[in-house]
Amino acid sequence: MSPELGRQAFRLAIFIIMLSGTMLLCQPAGSAGQVLSVASLVVGLIFAGIVAFLARRANR
């Protein structure tokens, strides 16, 4: 993975995490919006983990 591609992918993951985390704070408990915000947060965290794993693997 090129460093620029990894950097941009990680920025996208951080953007998704921050946006979904912010939206999670604004949603009422038990609403459909809260469920979608949690799902988006999980997707962002998984994506960030995959990008970090691939970046470390590429450096070896």
N, C-alpha and C. Protein backbone atom coordinates (compact mmCIF):
# COMPACT_ATOMS: atom_id res chain seq x y z
N MET A 1 0.85 -1.17 0.00
CA MET A 1 0.00 0.00 0.00
C MET A 1 0.89 1.23 0.00
N SER A 2 0.59 2.16 -0.88
CA SER A 2 1.39 3.38 -0.92
C SER A 2 1.08 4.23 0.32
N PRO A 3 2.06 5.00 0.77
CA PRO A 3 1.83 5.82 1.97
C PRO A 3 0.69 6.83 1.80
N GLU A 4 0.55 7.38 0.60
CA GLU A 4 -0.51 8.37 0.37
C GLU A 4 -1.89 7.73 0.45
N LEU A 5 -2.00 6.53 -0.13
CA LEU A 5 -3.27 5.82 -0.10
C LEU A 5 -3.63 5.44 1.33
N GLY A 6 -2.67 4.96 2.09
CA GLY A 6 -2.92 4.61 3.48
C GLY A 6 -3.31 5.81 4.32
N ARG A 7 -2.65 6.93 4.08
CA ARG A 7 -2.95 8.16 4.82
C ARG A 7 -4.38 8.63 4.53
N GLN A 8 -4.76 8.61 3.26
CA GLN A 8 -6.11 9.05 2.89
C GLN A 8 -7.18 8.09 3.42
N ALA A 9 -6.90 6.80 3.37
CA ALA A 9 -7.85 5.83 3.90
C ALA A 9 -8.02 6.00 5.41
N PHE A 10 -6.92 6.25 6.10
CA PHE A 10 -7.00 6.46 7.55
C PHE A 10 -7.75 7.75 7.87
N ARG A 11 -7.55 8.79 7.08
CA ARG A 11 -8.31 10.03 7.29
C ARG A 11 -9.79 9.81 7.08
N LEU A 12 -10.15 9.01 6.07
CA LEU A 12 -11.56 8.70 5.84
C LEU A 12 -12.13 7.93 7.03
N ALA A 13 -11.38 6.99 7.55
CA ALA A 13 -11.84 6.22 8.71
C ALA A 13 -12.05 7.13 9.93
N ILE A 14 -11.12 8.04 10.16
CA ILE A 14 -11.25 8.97 11.29
C ILE A 14 -12.46 9.88 11.09
N PHE A 15 -12.69 10.31 9.85
CA PHE A 15 -13.86 11.15 9.55
C PHE A 15 -15.15 10.40 9.87
N ILE A 16 -15.24 9.15 9.45
CA ILE A 16 -16.43 8.34 9.72
C ILE A 16 -16.62 8.16 11.23
N ILE A 17 -15.53 7.88 11.95
CA ILE A 17 -15.61 7.68 13.39
C ILE A 17 -16.06 8.95 14.10
N MET A 18 -15.47 10.08 13.73
CA MET A 18 -15.83 11.34 14.39
C MET A 18 -17.27 11.74 14.09
N LEU A 19 -17.68 11.59 12.83
CA LEU A 19 -19.03 11.98 12.45
C LEU A 19 -20.08 11.09 13.13
N SER A 20 -19.84 9.79 13.14
CA SER A 20 -20.82 8.90 13.76
C SER A 20 -20.82 9.06 15.28
N GLY A 21 -19.66 9.33 15.87
CA GLY A 21 -19.61 9.58 17.30
C GLY A 21 -20.36 10.84 17.70
N THR A 22 -20.24 11.87 16.89
CA THR A 22 -20.96 13.11 17.14
C THR A 22 -22.47 12.90 16.99
N MET A 23 -22.84 12.18 15.94
CA MET A 23 -24.26 11.92 15.74
C MET A 23 -24.83 11.03 16.84
N LEU A 24 -24.01 10.16 17.38
CA LEU A 24 -24.47 9.28 18.47
C LEU A 24 -24.85 10.10 19.70
N LEU A 25 -24.11 11.17 19.94
CA LEU A 25 -24.42 12.03 21.09
C LEU A 25 -25.72 12.79 20.92
N CYS A 26 -26.14 13.01 19.67
CA CYS A 26 -27.33 13.81 19.38
C CYS A 26 -28.60 12.98 19.25
N GLN A 27 -28.49 11.68 19.20
CA GLN A 27 -29.65 10.81 18.99
C GLN A 27 -30.27 10.40 20.33
N PRO A 28 -31.60 10.35 20.38
CA PRO A 28 -32.24 9.86 21.60
C PRO A 28 -32.01 8.36 21.78
N ALA A 29 -31.94 7.94 23.00
CA ALA A 29 -31.67 6.53 23.31
C ALA A 29 -32.80 5.64 22.78
N GLY A 30 -32.40 4.55 22.13
CA GLY A 30 -33.37 3.59 21.64
C GLY A 30 -33.96 3.92 20.28
N SER A 31 -33.52 4.99 19.65
CA SER A 31 -34.08 5.36 18.36
C SER A 31 -33.33 4.65 17.23
N ALA A 32 -33.94 4.67 16.05
CA ALA A 32 -33.30 4.06 14.88
C ALA A 32 -32.04 4.83 14.50
N GLY A 33 -32.04 6.11 14.72
CA GLY A 33 -30.86 6.92 14.43
C GLY A 33 -29.67 6.52 15.29
N GLN A 34 -29.93 6.17 16.54
CA GLN A 34 -28.86 5.73 17.41
C GLN A 34 -28.28 4.41 16.94
N VAL A 35 -29.14 3.51 16.49
CA VAL A 35 -28.67 2.22 15.98
C VAL A 35 -27.79 2.42 14.75
N LEU A 36 -28.20 3.29 13.85
CA LEU A 36 -27.40 3.58 12.66
C LEU A 36 -26.08 4.26 13.01
N SER A 37 -26.10 5.12 13.99
CA SER A 37 -24.87 5.79 14.42
C SER A 37 -23.88 4.79 15.02
N VAL A 38 -24.38 3.86 15.81
CA VAL A 38 -23.52 2.82 16.39
C VAL A 38 -22.96 1.93 15.29
N ALA A 39 -23.81 1.58 14.32
CA ALA A 39 -23.35 0.74 13.21
C ALA A 39 -22.27 1.46 12.40
N SER A 40 -22.46 2.75 12.16
CA SER A 40 -21.45 3.53 11.43
C SER A 40 -20.15 3.62 12.21
N LEU A 41 -20.26 3.77 13.51
CA LEU A 41 -19.08 3.83 14.37
C LEU A 41 -18.30 2.51 14.31
N VAL A 42 -19.01 1.41 14.35
CA VAL A 42 -18.36 0.10 14.28
C VAL A 42 -17.68 -0.09 12.92
N VAL A 43 -18.36 0.29 11.85
CA VAL A 43 -17.77 0.19 10.51
C VAL A 43 -16.51 1.04 10.42
N GLY A 44 -16.56 2.25 10.95
CA GLY A 44 -15.38 3.12 10.93
C GLY A 44 -14.21 2.54 11.71
N LEU A 45 -14.50 1.95 12.86
CA LEU A 45 -13.44 1.33 13.68
C LEU A 45 -12.85 0.11 12.98
N ILE A 46 -13.68 -0.70 12.37
CA ILE A 46 -13.18 -1.87 11.64
C ILE A 46 -12.34 -1.42 10.45
N PHE A 47 -12.80 -0.41 9.73
CA PHE A 47 -12.06 0.10 8.58
C PHE A 47 -10.70 0.66 9.02
N ALA A 48 -10.67 1.39 10.12
CA ALA A 48 -9.40 1.92 10.63
C ALA A 48 -8.47 0.80 11.03
N GLY A 49 -9.01 -0.25 11.63
CA GLY A 49 -8.20 -1.40 12.01
C GLY A 49 -7.61 -2.11 10.81
N ILE A 50 -8.41 -2.26 9.76
CA ILE A 50 -7.91 -2.91 8.54
C ILE A 50 -6.83 -2.07 7.89
N VAL A 51 -7.02 -0.76 7.83
CA VAL A 51 -6.01 0.12 7.24
C VAL A 51 -4.72 0.06 8.05
N ALA A 52 -4.82 0.08 9.37
CA ALA A 52 -3.61 0.00 10.21
C ALA A 52 -2.90 -1.33 10.02
N PHE A 53 -3.66 -2.42 9.94
CA PHE A 53 -3.07 -3.73 9.72
C PHE A 53 -2.34 -3.80 8.38
N LEU A 54 -2.99 -3.31 7.34
CA LEU A 54 -2.38 -3.34 6.01
C LEU A 54 -1.14 -2.44 5.92
N ALA A 55 -1.18 -1.32 6.62
CA ALA A 55 -0.02 -0.42 6.60
C ALA A 55 1.17 -1.05 7.31
N ARG A 56 0.93 -1.71 8.43
CA ARG A 56 2.02 -2.39 9.15
C ARG A 56 2.55 -3.56 8.36
N ARG A 57 1.65 -4.28 7.71
CA ARG A 57 2.06 -5.43 6.91
C ARG A 57 2.88 -5.00 5.70
N ALA A 58 2.56 -3.86 5.12
CA ALA A 58 3.27 -3.36 3.95
C ALA A 58 4.69 -2.90 4.31
N ASN A 59 4.89 -2.50 5.56
CA ASN A 59 6.21 -2.02 5.99
C ASN A 59 7.20 -3.15 6.27
N ARG A 60 6.72 -4.36 6.37
CA ARG A 60 7.61 -5.50 6.68
C ARG A 60 8.31 -6.01 5.47
